[in-house]
Amino acid sequence: MDDHELYSGLIRLHILHHAVREPVFGLWIIEELARHGYKLSAGTLYPMLHGLERKGYLRSAVKRTGGQARRYYRATAAGRKALRAAREKVRELFGELFEDD
């Protein structure tokens, strides 16, 4: 199994976590995940972002800063609700995962 496939759900939750706090953009997310040891390419990240947006968890808007346009992603009400529910599930599952440690 590809590690990316194993961690992709966790990465989506991490993106949602940050998008609840403040608007985020692709390069920032790539750098944030790199700080946690995940190496993601734009070709991997953007389909995730588009999928989260398609499902209604994120909303995006293009903002111009100077001459540069950047697409920012922000969690929707459905995204915030999904993150709250996921936190409970993750807490329960990871608690079990670490019981034997």
Protein backbone atom coordinates (compact mmCIF):
# COMPACT_ATOMS: atom_id res chain seq x y z
CA MET A 1 0.00 0.00 0.00
CA ASP A 2 1.23 3.46 -0.89
CA ASP A 3 1.88 5.54 2.27
CA HIS A 4 0.17 8.48 0.62
CA GLU A 5 -3.02 6.45 0.40
CA LEU A 6 -2.70 5.51 4.06
CA TYR A 7 -2.28 9.12 5.24
CA SER A 8 -4.49 10.97 2.76
CA GLY A 9 -7.45 11.11 5.16
CA LEU A 10 -5.25 12.54 7.90
CA ILE A 11 -3.88 15.13 5.49
CA ARG A 12 -7.41 16.17 4.53
CA LEU A 13 -8.30 16.58 8.20
CA HIS A 14 -5.16 18.64 8.76
CA ILE A 15 -6.10 20.90 5.85
CA LEU A 16 -9.61 21.28 7.23
CA HIS A 17 -8.23 22.03 10.69
CA HIS A 18 -6.24 24.98 9.36
CA ALA A 19 -9.00 26.14 7.00
CA VAL A 20 -11.34 26.42 10.00
CA ARG A 21 -8.88 28.75 11.72
CA GLU A 22 -8.07 31.01 8.74
CA PRO A 23 -8.06 31.07 4.95
CA VAL A 24 -5.21 28.95 3.56
CA PHE A 25 -3.60 28.62 0.14
CA GLY A 26 -1.86 25.74 -1.62
CA LEU A 27 1.80 26.62 -1.14
CA TRP A 28 1.24 27.41 2.54
CA ILE A 29 -0.42 24.00 3.02
CA ILE A 30 2.47 22.24 1.24
CA GLU A 31 4.96 24.02 3.53
CA GLU A 32 2.87 23.35 6.65
CA LEU A 33 2.64 19.64 5.87
CA ALA A 34 6.39 19.54 5.12
CA ARG A 35 6.99 20.80 8.68
CA HIS A 36 5.21 17.63 9.82
CA GLY A 37 7.26 15.39 7.53
CA TYR A 38 4.78 15.06 4.66
CA LYS A 39 6.09 15.80 1.19
CA LEU A 40 3.18 16.70 -1.06
CA SER A 41 3.34 17.97 -4.59
CA ALA A 42 0.88 20.46 -6.02
CA GLY A 43 -0.36 17.61 -8.23
CA THR A 44 -1.38 15.71 -5.10
CA LEU A 45 -2.61 18.63 -3.01
CA TYR A 46 -4.87 20.43 -5.46
CA PRO A 47 -7.07 17.41 -6.24
CA MET A 48 -7.54 17.03 -2.46
CA LEU A 49 -8.52 20.69 -2.12
CA HIS A 50 -10.87 20.47 -5.10
CA GLY A 51 -12.44 17.31 -3.68
CA LEU A 52 -13.00 18.96 -0.28
CA GLU A 53 -14.53 21.93 -2.07
CA ARG A 54 -16.74 19.72 -4.26
CA LYS A 55 -18.03 17.97 -1.12
CA GLY A 56 -18.90 21.32 0.43
CA TYR A 57 -16.25 21.30 3.19
CA LEU A 58 -14.23 24.17 1.71
CA ARG A 59 -15.05 27.30 -0.23
CA SER A 60 -12.43 29.12 -2.26
CA ALA A 61 -11.98 32.63 -3.51
CA VAL A 62 -9.24 34.30 -5.54
CA LYS A 63 -7.63 37.30 -3.88
CA ARG A 64 -5.16 39.65 -5.49
CA THR A 65 -2.17 40.91 -3.55
CA GLY A 66 -0.21 43.35 -5.65
CA GLY A 67 0.17 41.70 -9.03
CA GLN A 68 -0.30 38.16 -7.74
CA ALA A 69 -3.59 36.25 -7.64
CA ARG A 70 -3.89 33.47 -5.08
CA ARG A 71 -6.76 31.09 -4.36
CA TYR A 72 -7.61 30.89 -0.67
CA TYR A 73 -9.61 28.08 0.90
CA ARG A 74 -11.81 28.50 3.95
CA ALA A 75 -13.89 25.88 5.78
CA THR A 76 -17.65 26.07 5.35
CA ALA A 77 -20.19 25.36 8.09
CA ALA A 78 -20.34 21.78 6.78
CA GLY A 79 -16.53 21.59 6.96
CA ARG A 80 -16.49 22.78 10.57
CA LYS A 81 -19.19 20.25 11.47
CA ALA A 82 -17.32 17.44 9.71
CA LEU A 83 -14.09 18.36 11.52
CA ARG A 84 -15.83 18.27 14.92
CA ALA A 85 -17.22 14.81 14.15
CA ALA A 86 -13.86 13.61 12.81
CA ARG A 87 -12.06 14.77 15.96
CA GLU A 88 -14.24 12.48 18.07
CA LYS A 89 -13.64 9.52 15.75
CA VAL A 90 -9.89 10.17 15.51
CA ARG A 91 -9.60 10.48 19.30
CA GLU A 92 -11.38 7.15 19.74
CA LEU A 93 -9.48 5.29 17.00
CA PHE A 94 -6.07 6.66 17.88
CA GLY A 95 -6.67 5.95 21.55
CA GLU A 96 -7.10 2.31 20.60
CA LEU A 97 -4.11 2.42 18.28
CA PHE A 98 -1.84 3.50 21.16
CA GLU A 99 -3.31 1.32 23.93
CA ASP A 100 -0.48 -1.20 23.74
CA ASP A 101 2.33 1.39 23.80
